[in-house]
Amino acid sequence: MKEVSRTEKVLENKIEQYYTDCRTKEGTKNESES
């Protein structure tokens, strides 16, 4: 059970990082356009 919890936490962190990265890229893109 502990293994599963750890994997879930890692997954959550990866997803969070991914979304943050996407948001950052979007922001940079928008700034470049204006």
Foldseek 3Di string as FASTA:
>chain_A
DVVVVVVVVVVVVVVVVVVVVVVVVVVVVVVVVD
